[in-house]
Amino acid sequence: MKLKGQVAIVTGGSRGIGRAICLRLAKEGARVVVNYSGNADKGFKNPSKNVVNDIKKGGGDALSFDANVSNKKAVNAMIDRTIKAYGRLDILVANAGICPFEEFLKIDEKLLNRVLDVNFKGAFFAAQSAAQRMIKKKTKGRIIFISSISSIFGGELQAHYCPTKGAINQLMKSIAISLGRHGITSNAVLPGTVVTDINRKELEKDKNLYDYFVRRTPMGRLATPEDIASAVAFFASPEAAAISGATLVVDGGMSINLQ
């Protein structure tokens, strides 16, 4: 219960890594706003409501908010709704992201803009709006980005995705410099290969690919959404009060294994 009394927003919080983060922050005592996009969640059965219900069943407090993070007005409305409902905002986790795998030569402008809008502009808008409210309330808040090891390494089918994660790393560092005087920290978690809706079809369809990633990982298993949530909980905790501008790789050692 290290976060008791605090309020957190998790963008893209209805499924996968975002869901695990919402549940972990709630377990630590935070009241959680589960951001989701109705368009992105089409085909899934009430994912945001399920997260809220699970939090409430565990004795926590949560609400969901439908907002496309690439829309600045929608992001501002979500932040305002959070302040109105809970009176404060302490933690912003910019998790929402997409990675529609595609060959470099086939990526058109429409797809490129979509990935840039959600992954980079969405993180920028959420962090900026949250920081403005934190400063106004004199809250020594935490801004935590979910980046990726793809921010360091390239990907054959990720020429549109990897640059957005590299940009998030630099955004995180720039924000750490800008907001440090207000007592607000800014950090990023860099997951490796984690089975989520982004890649589940590819990994389940190609067992050889899945086995390859496991063999590459010294820990002998892929990181889970819960592993990523633990790293986020650390950055949000009192123990990380003096950590800002930092990246934390959570990949079981995969990215250092060149053998």
C-alpha atoms as a PDB file:
ATOM      1  CA  MET A   1       0.000   0.000   0.000  1.00  0.00           C
ATOM      2  CA  LYS A   2       2.872   2.384  -0.788  1.00  0.00           C
ATOM      3  CA  LEU A   3       0.610   4.494  -3.000  1.00  0.00           C
ATOM      4  CA  LYS A   4      -2.346   4.818  -0.648  1.00  0.00           C
ATOM      5  CA  GLY A   5      -4.195   8.093  -1.170  1.00  0.00           C
ATOM      6  CA  GLN A   6      -2.618   8.720  -4.569  1.00  0.00           C
ATOM      7  CA  VAL A   7      -4.339   8.885  -7.947  1.00  0.00           C
ATOM      8  CA  ALA A   8      -2.981   7.361 -11.152  1.00  0.00           C
ATOM      9  CA  ILE A   9      -3.948   7.486 -14.806  1.00  0.00           C
ATOM     10  CA  VAL A  10      -2.821   4.655 -17.071  1.00  0.00           C
ATOM     11  CA  THR A  11      -3.263   5.258 -20.793  1.00  0.00           C
ATOM     12  CA  GLY A  12      -4.093   2.153 -22.772  1.00  0.00           C
ATOM     13  CA  GLY A  13      -5.007   0.540 -19.477  1.00  0.00           C
ATOM     14  CA  SER A  14      -7.696  -1.885 -20.585  1.00  0.00           C
ATOM     15  CA  ARG A  15      -5.563  -4.742 -21.880  1.00  0.00           C
ATOM     16  CA  GLY A  16      -2.115  -6.320 -21.782  1.00  0.00           C
ATOM     17  CA  ILE A  17       0.649  -4.400 -20.031  1.00  0.00           C
ATOM     18  CA  GLY A  18      -1.692  -1.499 -19.264  1.00  0.00           C
ATOM     19  CA  ARG A  19      -4.143  -3.772 -17.480  1.00  0.00           C
ATOM     20  CA  ALA A  20      -1.371  -5.283 -15.358  1.00  0.00           C
ATOM     21  CA  ILE A  21      -0.157  -1.806 -14.427  1.00  0.00           C
ATOM     22  CA  CYS A  22      -3.654  -0.710 -13.388  1.00  0.00           C
ATOM     23  CA  LEU A  23      -4.098  -3.755 -11.167  1.00  0.00           C
ATOM     24  CA  ARG A  24      -0.653  -3.365  -9.577  1.00  0.00           C
ATOM     25  CA  LEU A  25      -1.053   0.338  -8.816  1.00  0.00           C
ATOM     26  CA  ALA A  26      -4.468  -0.368  -7.312  1.00  0.00           C
ATOM     27  CA  LYS A  27      -2.940  -3.136  -5.205  1.00  0.00           C
ATOM     28  CA  GLU A  28      -0.451  -0.551  -3.922  1.00  0.00           C
ATOM     29  CA  GLY A  29      -3.379   1.625  -2.819  1.00  0.00           C
ATOM     30  CA  ALA A  30      -3.745   4.076  -5.703  1.00  0.00           C
ATOM     31  CA  ARG A  31      -7.083   5.085  -7.136  1.00  0.00           C
ATOM     32  CA  VAL A  32      -6.821   4.334 -10.842  1.00  0.00           C
ATOM     33  CA  VAL A  33      -8.254   5.891 -13.975  1.00  0.00           C
ATOM     34  CA  VAL A  34      -8.237   3.254 -16.711  1.00  0.00           C
ATOM     35  CA  ASN A  35      -7.885   4.998 -20.051  1.00  0.00           C
ATOM     36  CA  TYR A  36      -9.008   3.131 -23.147  1.00  0.00           C
ATOM     37  CA  SER A  37     -10.000   3.840 -26.719  1.00  0.00           C
ATOM     38  CA  GLY A  38     -13.361   2.552 -27.832  1.00  0.00           C
ATOM     39  CA  ASN A  39     -12.098   2.152 -31.385  1.00  0.00           C
ATOM     40  CA  ALA A  40      -9.006   0.219 -30.335  1.00  0.00           C
ATOM     41  CA  ASP A  41     -11.045  -2.065 -28.077  1.00  0.00           C
ATOM     42  CA  LYS A  42     -13.549  -3.099 -30.728  1.00  0.00           C
ATOM     43  CA  GLY A  43     -13.807  -6.860 -30.804  1.00  0.00           C
ATOM     44  CA  PHE A  44     -12.924  -7.195 -27.122  1.00  0.00           C
ATOM     45  CA  LYS A  45     -15.651  -7.700 -24.524  1.00  0.00           C
ATOM     46  CA  ASN A  46     -15.760  -4.767 -22.079  1.00  0.00           C
ATOM     47  CA  PRO A  47     -12.000  -4.775 -21.340  1.00  0.00           C
ATOM     48  CA  SER A  48     -11.923  -1.466 -19.456  1.00  0.00           C
ATOM     49  CA  LYS A  49     -14.997  -2.347 -17.378  1.00  0.00           C
ATOM     50  CA  ASN A  50     -13.399  -5.675 -16.529  1.00  0.00           C
ATOM     51  CA  VAL A  51     -10.283  -3.933 -15.197  1.00  0.00           C
ATOM     52  CA  VAL A  52     -12.375  -1.519 -13.116  1.00  0.00           C
ATOM     53  CA  ASN A  53     -14.478  -4.386 -11.767  1.00  0.00           C
ATOM     54  CA  ASP A  54     -11.388  -6.409 -10.860  1.00  0.00           C
ATOM     55  CA  ILE A  55      -9.938  -3.443  -8.977  1.00  0.00           C
ATOM     56  CA  LYS A  56     -13.186  -2.868  -7.090  1.00  0.00           C
ATOM     57  CA  LYS A  57     -13.489  -6.564  -6.242  1.00  0.00           C
ATOM     58  CA  GLY A  58     -10.072  -6.267  -4.622  1.00  0.00           C
ATOM     59  CA  GLY A  59     -11.247  -3.375  -2.486  1.00  0.00           C
ATOM     60  CA  GLY A  60      -9.794  -0.620  -4.656  1.00  0.00           C
ATOM     61  CA  ASP A  61     -11.282   2.372  -6.425  1.00  0.00           C
ATOM     62  CA  ALA A  62     -11.216   2.934 -10.182  1.00  0.00           C
ATOM     63  CA  LEU A  63     -13.047   4.436 -13.104  1.00  0.00           C
ATOM     64  CA  SER A  64     -12.602   4.159 -16.866  1.00  0.00           C
ATOM     65  CA  PHE A  65     -12.402   6.923 -19.456  1.00  0.00           C
ATOM     66  CA  ASP A  66     -12.679   6.585 -23.226  1.00  0.00           C
ATOM     67  CA  ALA A  67     -10.154   8.914 -24.861  1.00  0.00           C
ATOM     68  CA  ASN A  68      -8.047   8.688 -27.984  1.00  0.00           C
ATOM     69  CA  VAL A  69      -4.684   9.865 -26.631  1.00  0.00           C
ATOM     70  CA  SER A  70      -3.710  11.327 -29.998  1.00  0.00           C
ATOM     71  CA  ASN A  71      -6.523  13.859 -29.523  1.00  0.00           C
ATOM     72  CA  LYS A  72      -5.310  16.654 -27.229  1.00  0.00           C
ATOM     73  CA  LYS A  73      -8.827  17.790 -26.294  1.00  0.00           C
ATOM     74  CA  ALA A  74      -9.784  14.252 -25.318  1.00  0.00           C
ATOM     75  CA  VAL A  75      -6.659  13.936 -23.165  1.00  0.00           C
ATOM     76  CA  ASN A  76      -7.380  17.242 -21.419  1.00  0.00           C
ATOM     77  CA  ALA A  77     -10.954  16.120 -20.765  1.00  0.00           C
ATOM     78  CA  MET A  78      -9.670  12.890 -19.205  1.00  0.00           C
ATOM     79  CA  ILE A  79      -7.281  14.762 -16.915  1.00  0.00           C
ATOM     80  CA  ASP A  80     -10.034  17.195 -15.900  1.00  0.00           C
ATOM     81  CA  ARG A  81     -12.410  14.288 -15.195  1.00  0.00           C
ATOM     82  CA  THR A  82      -9.770  12.703 -12.982  1.00  0.00           C
ATOM     83  CA  ILE A  83      -9.275  15.910 -10.976  1.00  0.00           C
ATOM     84  CA  LYS A  84     -13.037  16.354 -10.638  1.00  0.00           C
ATOM     85  CA  ALA A  85     -13.551  12.766  -9.465  1.00  0.00           C
ATOM     86  CA  TYR A  86     -10.562  12.410  -7.142  1.00  0.00           C
ATOM     87  CA  GLY A  87      -9.326  15.945  -6.511  1.00  0.00           C
ATOM     88  CA  ARG A  88      -5.733  15.261  -7.559  1.00  0.00           C
ATOM     89  CA  LEU A  89      -3.368  13.458  -9.920  1.00  0.00           C
ATOM     90  CA  ASP A  90      -0.107  11.942  -8.681  1.00  0.00           C
ATOM     91  CA  ILE A  91       0.942   9.403 -11.302  1.00  0.00           C
ATOM     92  CA  LEU A  92       0.674   9.381 -15.083  1.00  0.00           C
ATOM     93  CA  VAL A  93       1.657   6.193 -16.898  1.00  0.00           C
ATOM     94  CA  ALA A  94       1.909   6.817 -20.645  1.00  0.00           C
ATOM     95  CA  ASN A  95       1.447   3.260 -21.837  1.00  0.00           C
ATOM     96  CA  ALA A  96      -0.834   3.467 -24.887  1.00  0.00           C
ATOM     97  CA  GLY A  97       0.895   2.308 -28.038  1.00  0.00           C
ATOM     98  CA  ILE A  98       0.420   0.401 -31.272  1.00  0.00           C
ATOM     99  CA  CYS A  99       2.739  -1.664 -33.451  1.00  0.00           C
ATOM    100  CA  PRO A 100       1.064  -2.874 -36.649  1.00  0.00           C
ATOM    101  CA  PHE A 101       3.880  -4.991 -38.097  1.00  0.00           C
ATOM    102  CA  GLU A 102       4.658  -4.054 -41.699  1.00  0.00           C
ATOM    103  CA  GLU A 103       7.547  -4.221 -44.132  1.00  0.00           C
ATOM    104  CA  PHE A 104       9.460  -0.955 -44.443  1.00  0.00           C
ATOM    105  CA  LEU A 105       8.796  -0.609 -48.182  1.00  0.00           C
ATOM    106  CA  LYS A 106       5.068  -1.063 -47.641  1.00  0.00           C
ATOM    107  CA  ILE A 107       4.547   1.491 -44.851  1.00  0.00           C
ATOM    108  CA  ASP A 108       2.396   4.275 -46.275  1.00  0.00           C
ATOM    109  CA  GLU A 109       1.893   7.775 -44.914  1.00  0.00           C
ATOM    110  CA  LYS A 110      -1.450   6.911 -43.326  1.00  0.00           C
ATOM    111  CA  LEU A 111       0.034   4.067 -41.278  1.00  0.00           C
ATOM    112  CA  LEU A 112       3.116   6.102 -40.366  1.00  0.00           C
ATOM    113  CA  ASN A 113       0.988   9.003 -39.121  1.00  0.00           C
ATOM    114  CA  ARG A 114      -1.230   6.663 -37.107  1.00  0.00           C
ATOM    115  CA  VAL A 115       1.744   5.143 -35.258  1.00  0.00           C
ATOM    116  CA  LEU A 116       3.318   8.573 -34.663  1.00  0.00           C
ATOM    117  CA  ASP A 117       0.020   9.998 -33.415  1.00  0.00           C
ATOM    118  CA  VAL A 118      -0.677   7.279 -30.852  1.00  0.00           C
ATOM    119  CA  ASN A 119       2.826   6.387 -29.703  1.00  0.00           C
ATOM    120  CA  PHE A 120       4.552   9.759 -29.585  1.00  0.00           C
ATOM    121  CA  LYS A 121       1.940  12.507 -29.693  1.00  0.00           C
ATOM    122  CA  GLY A 122      -0.296  10.527 -27.327  1.00  0.00           C
ATOM    123  CA  ALA A 123       2.512  10.230 -24.775  1.00  0.00           C
ATOM    124  CA  PHE A 124       3.438  13.905 -25.218  1.00  0.00           C
ATOM    125  CA  PHE A 125      -0.125  15.170 -24.761  1.00  0.00           C
ATOM    126  CA  ALA A 126      -0.780  12.981 -21.714  1.00  0.00           C
ATOM    127  CA  ALA A 127       2.478  13.948 -20.002  1.00  0.00           C
ATOM    128  CA  GLN A 128       2.055  17.660 -20.738  1.00  0.00           C
ATOM    129  CA  SER A 129      -1.544  17.819 -19.542  1.00  0.00           C
ATOM    130  CA  ALA A 130      -0.771  15.792 -16.411  1.00  0.00           C
ATOM    131  CA  ALA A 131       2.257  17.935 -15.580  1.00  0.00           C
ATOM    132  CA  GLN A 132       0.236  21.154 -15.895  1.00  0.00           C
ATOM    133  CA  ARG A 133      -2.278  19.881 -13.334  1.00  0.00           C
ATOM    134  CA  MET A 134       0.449  18.552 -11.025  1.00  0.00           C
ATOM    135  CA  ILE A 135       2.206  21.907 -11.011  1.00  0.00           C
ATOM    136  CA  LYS A 136      -1.043  23.773 -10.406  1.00  0.00           C
ATOM    137  CA  LYS A 137      -1.815  21.527  -7.429  1.00  0.00           C
ATOM    138  CA  LYS A 138       1.834  21.615  -6.242  1.00  0.00           C
ATOM    139  CA  THR A 139       1.910  17.822  -6.506  1.00  0.00           C
ATOM    140  CA  LYS A 140       5.314  16.136  -6.584  1.00  0.00           C
ATOM    141  CA  GLY A 141       4.114  13.667  -9.156  1.00  0.00           C
ATOM    142  CA  ARG A 142       5.503  10.845 -11.243  1.00  0.00           C
ATOM    143  CA  ILE A 143       5.401  10.564 -15.019  1.00  0.00           C
ATOM    144  CA  ILE A 144       6.280   7.096 -16.262  1.00  0.00           C
ATOM    145  CA  PHE A 145       6.579   6.133 -19.915  1.00  0.00           C
ATOM    146  CA  ILE A 146       6.328   2.631 -21.326  1.00  0.00           C
ATOM    147  CA  SER A 147       9.012   2.633 -23.986  1.00  0.00           C
ATOM    148  CA  SER A 148      10.633  -0.499 -25.425  1.00  0.00           C
ATOM    149  CA  ILE A 149      13.989  -2.105 -26.114  1.00  0.00           C
ATOM    150  CA  SER A 150      12.966  -1.256 -29.692  1.00  0.00           C
ATOM    151  CA  SER A 151      13.978   2.290 -28.771  1.00  0.00           C
ATOM    152  CA  ILE A 152      17.558   0.992 -28.832  1.00  0.00           C
ATOM    153  CA  PHE A 153      17.408  -1.801 -31.415  1.00  0.00           C
ATOM    154  CA  GLY A 154      15.802  -1.825 -34.840  1.00  0.00           C
ATOM    155  CA  GLY A 155      13.104  -4.169 -36.067  1.00  0.00           C
ATOM    156  CA  GLU A 156      12.575  -5.429 -39.605  1.00  0.00           C
ATOM    157  CA  LEU A 157       8.814  -4.906 -39.421  1.00  0.00           C
ATOM    158  CA  GLN A 158       8.973  -1.939 -37.027  1.00  0.00           C
ATOM    159  CA  ALA A 159      10.523   0.927 -39.003  1.00  0.00           C
ATOM    160  CA  HIS A 160       7.554   3.085 -37.987  1.00  0.00           C
ATOM    161  CA  TYR A 161       7.421   1.873 -34.363  1.00  0.00           C
ATOM    162  CA  CYS A 162      11.060   1.902 -33.205  1.00  0.00           C
ATOM    163  CA  PRO A 163      11.604   5.638 -33.902  1.00  0.00           C
ATOM    164  CA  THR A 164       8.562   6.535 -31.777  1.00  0.00           C
ATOM    165  CA  LYS A 165       9.995   4.647 -28.808  1.00  0.00           C
ATOM    166  CA  GLY A 166      13.370   6.327 -29.279  1.00  0.00           C
ATOM    167  CA  ALA A 167      11.558   9.655 -29.268  1.00  0.00           C
ATOM    168  CA  ILE A 168       9.789   8.724 -26.036  1.00  0.00           C
ATOM    169  CA  ASN A 169      13.159   8.115 -24.354  1.00  0.00           C
ATOM    170  CA  GLN A 170      14.300  11.609 -25.284  1.00  0.00           C
ATOM    171  CA  LEU A 171      10.935  13.106 -24.345  1.00  0.00           C
ATOM    172  CA  MET A 172      11.243  11.448 -20.939  1.00  0.00           C
ATOM    173  CA  LYS A 173      14.719  12.892 -20.364  1.00  0.00           C
ATOM    174  CA  SER A 174      13.691  16.369 -21.510  1.00  0.00           C
ATOM    175  CA  ILE A 175      10.680  16.314 -19.209  1.00  0.00           C
ATOM    176  CA  ALA A 176      12.877  15.195 -16.309  1.00  0.00           C
ATOM    177  CA  ILE A 177      14.985  18.320 -16.822  1.00  0.00           C
ATOM    178  CA  SER A 178      11.981  20.609 -17.248  1.00  0.00           C
ATOM    179  CA  LEU A 179       9.939  19.366 -14.310  1.00  0.00           C
ATOM    180  CA  GLY A 180      12.599  18.534 -11.741  1.00  0.00           C
ATOM    181  CA  ARG A 181      12.286  21.986 -10.171  1.00  0.00           C
ATOM    182  CA  HIS A 182       8.639  21.148  -9.434  1.00  0.00           C
ATOM    183  CA  GLY A 183       9.499  17.887  -7.710  1.00  0.00           C
ATOM    184  CA  ILE A 184       8.091  15.825 -10.584  1.00  0.00           C
ATOM    185  CA  THR A 185      10.086  12.812 -11.771  1.00  0.00           C
ATOM    186  CA  SER A 186      10.078  11.365 -15.286  1.00  0.00           C
ATOM    187  CA  ASN A 187      11.283   7.851 -16.106  1.00  0.00           C
ATOM    188  CA  ALA A 188      10.757   5.083 -18.646  1.00  0.00           C
ATOM    189  CA  VAL A 189      10.359   1.311 -18.523  1.00  0.00           C
ATOM    190  CA  LEU A 190      11.693  -0.562 -21.553  1.00  0.00           C
ATOM    191  CA  PRO A 191      10.019  -3.968 -21.978  1.00  0.00           C
ATOM    192  CA  GLY A 192      11.482  -6.639 -24.196  1.00  0.00           C
ATOM    193  CA  THR A 193       9.278  -9.215 -25.887  1.00  0.00           C
ATOM    194  CA  VAL A 194       6.088  -9.549 -23.860  1.00  0.00           C
ATOM    195  CA  VAL A 195       3.135 -11.560 -25.151  1.00  0.00           C
ATOM    196  CA  THR A 196       0.242  -9.113 -25.524  1.00  0.00           C
ATOM    197  CA  ASP A 197      -2.441  -8.351 -28.094  1.00  0.00           C
ATOM    198  CA  ILE A 198       0.197  -6.499 -30.148  1.00  0.00           C
ATOM    199  CA  ASN A 199       2.132  -9.657 -30.995  1.00  0.00           C
ATOM    200  CA  ARG A 200       0.055 -12.613 -29.750  1.00  0.00           C
ATOM    201  CA  LYS A 201      -1.108 -13.705 -33.215  1.00  0.00           C
ATOM    202  CA  GLU A 202       2.423 -13.688 -34.625  1.00  0.00           C
ATOM    203  CA  LEU A 203       3.956 -15.540 -31.679  1.00  0.00           C
ATOM    204  CA  GLU A 204       1.174 -18.110 -31.376  1.00  0.00           C
ATOM    205  CA  LYS A 205       1.177 -18.728 -35.118  1.00  0.00           C
ATOM    206  CA  ASP A 206       4.952 -19.148 -35.311  1.00  0.00           C
ATOM    207  CA  LYS A 207       6.157 -21.398 -32.468  1.00  0.00           C
ATOM    208  CA  ASN A 208       9.704 -21.281 -33.827  1.00  0.00           C
ATOM    209  CA  LEU A 209       9.713 -17.493 -33.416  1.00  0.00           C
ATOM    210  CA  TYR A 210       8.425 -17.777 -29.860  1.00  0.00           C
ATOM    211  CA  ASP A 211      11.027 -20.422 -29.005  1.00  0.00           C
ATOM    212  CA  TYR A 212      13.743 -18.248 -30.543  1.00  0.00           C
ATOM    213  CA  PHE A 213      12.922 -15.360 -28.206  1.00  0.00           C
ATOM    214  CA  VAL A 214      12.877 -17.674 -25.202  1.00  0.00           C
ATOM    215  CA  ARG A 215      16.267 -19.153 -26.162  1.00  0.00           C
ATOM    216  CA  ARG A 216      17.679 -15.638 -26.493  1.00  0.00           C
ATOM    217  CA  THR A 217      16.562 -14.794 -22.960  1.00  0.00           C
ATOM    218  CA  PRO A 218      19.073 -15.769 -20.220  1.00  0.00           C
ATOM    219  CA  MET A 219      16.251 -16.060 -17.678  1.00  0.00           C
ATOM    220  CA  GLY A 220      14.680 -18.778 -19.817  1.00  0.00           C
ATOM    221  CA  ARG A 221      11.298 -17.096 -20.090  1.00  0.00           C
ATOM    222  CA  LEU A 222       9.761 -13.984 -21.583  1.00  0.00           C
ATOM    223  CA  ALA A 223       8.868 -11.070 -19.345  1.00  0.00           C
ATOM    224  CA  THR A 224       5.198 -10.866 -18.415  1.00  0.00           C
ATOM    225  CA  PRO A 225       2.896  -7.836 -18.161  1.00  0.00           C
ATOM    226  CA  GLU A 226       3.157  -8.232 -14.387  1.00  0.00           C
ATOM    227  CA  ASP A 227       6.956  -7.883 -14.601  1.00  0.00           C
ATOM    228  CA  ILE A 228       6.519  -4.555 -16.385  1.00  0.00           C
ATOM    229  CA  ALA A 229       3.932  -3.467 -13.823  1.00  0.00           C
ATOM    230  CA  SER A 230       6.423  -4.147 -11.017  1.00  0.00           C
ATOM    231  CA  ALA A 231       8.932  -1.783 -12.624  1.00  0.00           C
ATOM    232  CA  VAL A 232       6.255   0.902 -12.939  1.00  0.00           C
ATOM    233  CA  ALA A 233       5.274   0.421  -9.300  1.00  0.00           C
ATOM    234  CA  PHE A 234       8.903   0.960  -8.319  1.00  0.00           C
ATOM    235  CA  PHE A 235       9.176   4.246 -10.243  1.00  0.00           C
ATOM    236  CA  ALA A 236       5.911   5.366  -8.625  1.00  0.00           C
ATOM    237  CA  SER A 237       7.027   4.405  -5.124  1.00  0.00           C
ATOM    238  CA  PRO A 238       8.720   6.527  -2.446  1.00  0.00           C
ATOM    239  CA  GLU A 239      11.913   4.511  -2.996  1.00  0.00           C
ATOM    240  CA  ALA A 240      12.304   6.137  -6.432  1.00  0.00           C
ATOM    241  CA  ALA A 241      11.921   9.716  -5.182  1.00  0.00           C
ATOM    242  CA  ALA A 242      15.428  10.695  -6.348  1.00  0.00           C
ATOM    243  CA  ILE A 243      15.350   8.805  -9.638  1.00  0.00           C
ATOM    244  CA  SER A 244      14.532  10.862 -12.716  1.00  0.00           C
ATOM    245  CA  GLY A 245      15.571  10.690 -16.354  1.00  0.00           C
ATOM    246  CA  ALA A 246      16.242   6.953 -16.031  1.00  0.00           C
ATOM    247  CA  THR A 247      15.426   3.989 -18.249  1.00  0.00           C
ATOM    248  CA  LEU A 248      14.854   0.508 -16.830  1.00  0.00           C
ATOM    249  CA  VAL A 249      15.083  -2.458 -19.194  1.00  0.00           C
ATOM    250  CA  VAL A 250      12.796  -5.384 -18.287  1.00  0.00           C
ATOM    251  CA  ASP A 251      13.524  -8.191 -20.724  1.00  0.00           C
ATOM    252  CA  GLY A 252      15.080 -11.057 -18.763  1.00  0.00           C
ATOM    253  CA  GLY A 253      18.462 -10.151 -20.244  1.00  0.00           C
ATOM    254  CA  MET A 254      17.424 -10.776 -23.869  1.00  0.00           C
ATOM    255  CA  SER A 255      18.884  -7.552 -25.233  1.00  0.00           C
ATOM    256  CA  ILE A 256      22.381  -8.202 -23.876  1.00  0.00           C
ATOM    257  CA  ASN A 257      22.599 -11.750 -25.240  1.00  0.00           C
ATOM    258  CA  LEU A 258      24.367 -11.637 -28.606  1.00  0.00           C
ATOM    259  CA  GLN A 259      25.367 -15.315 -28.584  1.00  0.00           C
END
